[in-house]
Amino acid sequence: MLIITFLIGIVINAMGYVPPGNINLTLAQLTINRGMRQAWGFILAFSCVEVFFTFGMMRFARWISSDVDIDAIKVGDFQLSILIDVFMMVLLLVMATLAWKNRDKVHQPKATEDSRKGSVLYGIILGVLNPVQIPYWLFFGNYVILHEWITTTYPSLIVFSLGSGVGSMVALYGYAHFAKFIQEKFTLSSRLINQCIAVFLYCLALYLLIKQLVICFG
């Protein structure tokens, strides 16, 4: 049963990182600019944070109903979904701006101690500043619990969370490897790829802005 729980954790969290987003696109940029060794530092640090985050969210999912509405949860006078979107807009804009400004600054993939620490710290920071996972786990956490795919005992939740960490590791490694493959296969310049990533992040921020404007004035 615990093996199945572990595999479910891998699959569910890996699915969450398949669509392009701020995490996997940032990793792709890091891979192209600094190499796979730095990408691995980011991936491992991020996945470790993801284990603890998943465990906390699954514990919280035990106390809420299956029909929980993220739009009904409020923090003060604001809906949680709005606060998450606003936070993600700011984060995406900052990351896109940094990617655009540094598009010409291509770092050689040197495996120095400082660069490794920087990649690890970057992974930890983005692992903590990842509120978009809250509604994701509110939905899927309830889904797997209520359909009795996993139990809510401590051993089960720990194994599930470890699987979640492995799932994010697998998905993010796939993005890093694919980014490197695309660059080498089509001999694309790092500058062009960095520009594309920055534009995509800007588009994600614009999408969140339009989404909230439609909700407010629609």
Protein backbone atom coordinates (compact mmCIF):
# COMPACT_ATOMS: atom_id res chain seq x y z
CA MET A 1 0.00 0.00 0.00
CA LEU A 2 2.82 2.42 0.84
CA ILE A 3 4.46 1.70 -2.53
CA ILE A 4 1.23 2.66 -4.30
CA THR A 5 1.01 5.78 -2.12
CA PHE A 6 4.56 6.69 -3.11
CA LEU A 7 3.80 6.23 -6.82
CA ILE A 8 0.62 8.31 -6.56
CA GLY A 9 2.62 11.12 -4.99
CA ILE A 10 5.13 10.98 -7.85
CA VAL A 11 2.47 11.07 -10.57
CA ILE A 12 0.28 13.79 -9.07
CA ASN A 13 3.06 16.26 -8.36
CA ALA A 14 4.85 15.56 -11.64
CA MET A 15 1.62 16.47 -13.45
CA GLY A 16 1.60 19.83 -11.68
CA TYR A 17 4.93 20.82 -13.25
CA VAL A 18 4.21 19.69 -16.81
CA PRO A 19 2.51 22.95 -17.90
CA PRO A 20 5.04 25.78 -18.42
CA GLY A 21 5.23 28.00 -15.35
CA ASN A 22 7.58 30.19 -13.38
CA ILE A 23 9.40 27.24 -11.77
CA ASN A 24 10.17 25.07 -14.78
CA LEU A 25 10.92 28.02 -17.08
CA THR A 26 13.29 29.49 -14.52
CA LEU A 27 14.99 26.12 -14.27
CA ALA A 28 15.28 25.95 -18.06
CA GLN A 29 16.97 29.35 -18.08
CA LEU A 30 19.31 28.30 -15.26
CA THR A 31 20.24 25.14 -17.15
CA ILE A 32 21.07 26.99 -20.35
CA ASN A 33 23.06 29.71 -18.60
CA ARG A 34 24.91 27.65 -15.99
CA GLY A 35 24.72 24.01 -16.97
CA MET A 36 23.18 20.81 -15.63
CA ARG A 37 25.22 20.71 -12.42
CA GLN A 38 23.73 23.99 -11.27
CA ALA A 39 20.30 22.81 -12.42
CA TRP A 40 20.64 19.71 -10.23
CA GLY A 41 21.41 21.87 -7.21
CA PHE A 42 18.22 23.84 -7.88
CA ILE A 43 16.14 20.70 -8.47
CA LEU A 44 17.27 18.91 -5.32
CA ALA A 45 16.77 21.96 -3.09
CA PHE A 46 13.35 22.73 -4.57
CA SER A 47 12.20 19.12 -4.28
CA CYS A 48 13.23 18.94 -0.61
CA VAL A 49 11.11 22.00 0.14
CA GLU A 50 8.28 20.43 -1.87
CA VAL A 51 8.27 17.39 0.45
CA PHE A 52 7.59 19.54 3.52
CA PHE A 53 5.10 21.74 1.65
CA THR A 54 3.14 18.71 0.43
CA PHE A 55 3.03 17.18 3.90
CA GLY A 56 1.66 20.41 5.38
CA MET A 57 -0.96 20.77 2.65
CA MET A 58 -2.05 17.14 2.97
CA ARG A 59 -2.45 17.57 6.73
CA PHE A 60 -4.60 20.61 6.03
CA ALA A 61 -6.60 18.70 3.41
CA ARG A 62 -7.70 16.26 6.10
CA TRP A 63 -9.78 18.98 7.76
CA ILE A 64 -11.56 20.42 4.76
CA SER A 65 -14.38 19.05 2.67
CA SER A 66 -14.12 17.82 -0.89
CA ASP A 67 -16.17 20.72 -2.22
CA VAL A 68 -13.81 23.32 -0.80
CA ASP A 69 -13.90 26.46 -2.91
CA ILE A 70 -10.62 28.33 -3.05
CA ASP A 71 -12.57 31.48 -3.94
CA ALA A 72 -14.53 31.24 -0.69
CA ILE A 73 -11.43 31.23 1.54
CA LYS A 74 -10.55 34.73 2.73
CA VAL A 75 -7.55 36.34 4.35
CA GLY A 76 -8.86 39.49 5.99
CA ASP A 77 -11.08 41.24 3.44
CA PHE A 78 -9.48 39.57 0.44
CA GLN A 79 -10.15 36.21 -1.17
CA LEU A 80 -7.21 33.84 -1.00
CA SER A 81 -7.36 33.18 -4.75
CA ILE A 82 -6.98 36.91 -5.47
CA LEU A 83 -4.02 37.23 -3.11
CA ILE A 84 -2.35 34.22 -4.74
CA ASP A 85 -2.84 35.66 -8.23
CA VAL A 86 -1.52 39.08 -7.17
CA PHE A 87 1.52 37.50 -5.54
CA MET A 88 2.17 35.37 -8.61
CA MET A 89 1.82 38.40 -10.90
CA VAL A 90 4.45 40.29 -8.92
CA LEU A 91 6.73 37.23 -8.79
CA LEU A 92 6.37 36.56 -12.52
CA LEU A 93 7.04 40.20 -13.40
CA VAL A 94 10.16 40.28 -11.24
CA MET A 95 11.48 37.02 -12.68
CA ALA A 96 10.66 38.03 -16.26
CA THR A 97 12.36 41.40 -15.80
CA LEU A 98 15.48 39.76 -14.37
CA ALA A 99 15.54 37.25 -17.21
CA TRP A 100 15.21 40.05 -19.78
CA LYS A 101 17.89 42.23 -18.16
CA ASN A 102 20.32 39.31 -17.93
CA ARG A 103 19.63 37.94 -21.41
CA ASP A 104 23.12 38.89 -22.59
CA LYS A 105 24.89 37.73 -19.44
CA VAL A 106 25.56 34.11 -20.21
CA HIS A 107 27.43 32.38 -17.40
CA GLN A 108 29.84 29.57 -18.11
CA PRO A 109 28.82 26.36 -16.33
CA LYS A 110 31.63 26.35 -13.78
CA ALA A 111 31.08 24.04 -10.84
CA THR A 112 32.31 26.47 -8.19
CA GLU A 113 31.22 26.22 -4.58
CA ASP A 114 29.58 29.65 -4.65
CA SER A 115 27.59 28.90 -7.81
CA ARG A 116 26.36 25.60 -6.36
CA LYS A 117 25.26 27.34 -3.18
CA GLY A 118 23.54 30.01 -5.25
CA SER A 119 21.56 27.43 -7.21
CA VAL A 120 20.56 25.59 -4.03
CA LEU A 121 19.47 28.82 -2.35
CA TYR A 122 17.51 29.80 -5.47
CA GLY A 123 15.70 26.46 -5.38
CA ILE A 124 14.84 26.87 -1.70
CA ILE A 125 13.51 30.41 -2.21
CA LEU A 126 11.29 29.46 -5.15
CA GLY A 127 10.15 26.35 -3.28
CA VAL A 128 8.92 28.54 -0.44
CA LEU A 129 7.53 31.28 -2.71
CA ASN A 130 5.28 28.95 -4.67
CA PRO A 131 1.71 29.74 -3.57
CA VAL A 132 0.19 28.48 -6.82
CA GLN A 133 0.61 24.98 -5.34
CA ILE A 134 -1.91 25.80 -2.59
CA PRO A 135 -5.06 25.48 -4.73
CA TYR A 136 -3.46 22.57 -6.59
CA TRP A 137 -3.03 20.55 -3.39
CA LEU A 138 -6.36 21.71 -1.95
CA PHE A 139 -8.02 20.00 -4.92
CA PHE A 140 -5.84 16.94 -5.45
CA GLY A 141 -5.19 16.44 -1.74
CA ASN A 142 -8.92 16.14 -1.10
CA TYR A 143 -9.39 14.05 -4.22
CA VAL A 144 -6.93 11.30 -3.29
CA ILE A 145 -8.08 11.25 0.35
CA LEU A 146 -11.81 11.12 -0.35
CA HIS A 147 -11.37 8.49 -3.06
CA GLU A 148 -9.31 6.50 -0.55
CA TRP A 149 -6.30 6.31 -2.83
CA ILE A 150 -4.18 7.03 0.23
CA THR A 151 -4.79 6.92 3.96
CA THR A 152 -4.28 9.88 6.27
CA THR A 153 -1.96 8.18 8.74
CA TYR A 154 1.40 9.79 9.37
CA PRO A 155 3.40 7.04 7.60
CA SER A 156 1.14 7.28 4.55
CA LEU A 157 1.35 11.08 4.34
CA ILE A 158 5.12 11.00 4.79
CA VAL A 159 5.53 8.45 2.00
CA PHE A 160 3.13 10.42 -0.21
CA SER A 161 5.10 13.62 0.42
CA LEU A 162 8.38 11.88 -0.41
CA GLY A 163 6.79 10.70 -3.64
CA SER A 164 5.71 14.27 -4.31
CA GLY A 165 9.31 15.41 -3.96
CA VAL A 166 10.47 12.72 -6.38
CA GLY A 167 7.68 13.71 -8.78
CA SER A 168 8.81 17.33 -8.88
CA MET A 169 12.40 16.15 -9.29
CA VAL A 170 11.49 13.98 -12.29
CA ALA A 171 9.39 16.67 -13.98
CA LEU A 172 11.94 19.43 -13.44
CA TYR A 173 14.82 17.24 -14.63
CA GLY A 174 12.81 16.58 -17.77
CA TYR A 175 12.48 20.34 -18.36
CA ALA A 176 16.18 20.94 -17.72
CA HIS A 177 17.24 18.13 -20.04
CA PHE A 178 14.78 19.23 -22.73
CA ALA A 179 16.01 22.84 -22.55
CA LYS A 180 19.59 21.69 -23.02
CA PHE A 181 18.57 19.38 -25.85
CA ILE A 182 16.68 22.12 -27.69
CA GLN A 183 19.61 24.52 -27.39
CA GLU A 184 22.12 21.99 -28.72
CA LYS A 185 19.85 20.43 -31.36
CA PHE A 186 18.80 23.68 -32.97
CA THR A 187 21.94 25.66 -32.03
CA LEU A 188 19.82 28.38 -30.45
CA SER A 189 21.62 31.19 -28.71
CA SER A 190 21.25 31.59 -24.96
CA ARG A 191 20.16 35.17 -25.57
CA LEU A 192 17.22 34.07 -27.72
CA ILE A 193 16.10 31.42 -25.24
CA ASN A 194 16.37 33.85 -22.32
CA GLN A 195 14.28 36.37 -24.26
CA CYS A 196 11.62 33.74 -25.01
CA ILE A 197 11.45 32.70 -21.36
CA ALA A 198 11.13 36.32 -20.24
CA VAL A 199 8.32 36.96 -22.75
CA PHE A 200 6.50 33.81 -21.66
CA LEU A 201 6.69 34.85 -17.99
CA TYR A 202 5.34 38.28 -18.93
CA CYS A 203 2.47 36.56 -20.75
CA LEU A 204 1.67 34.45 -17.68
CA ALA A 205 1.53 37.61 -15.55
CA LEU A 206 -0.72 39.27 -18.15
CA TYR A 207 -2.99 36.23 -18.14
CA LEU A 208 -3.42 36.45 -14.35
CA LEU A 209 -4.16 40.18 -14.63
CA ILE A 210 -6.81 39.63 -17.33
CA LYS A 211 -8.29 36.77 -15.31
CA GLN A 212 -8.80 38.99 -12.25
CA LEU A 213 -10.17 41.88 -14.36
CA VAL A 214 -12.72 39.52 -15.93
CA ILE A 215 -13.74 38.24 -12.49
CA CYS A 216 -14.05 41.78 -11.08
CA PHE A 217 -15.86 43.41 -14.01
CA GLY A 218 -17.37 40.42 -15.80
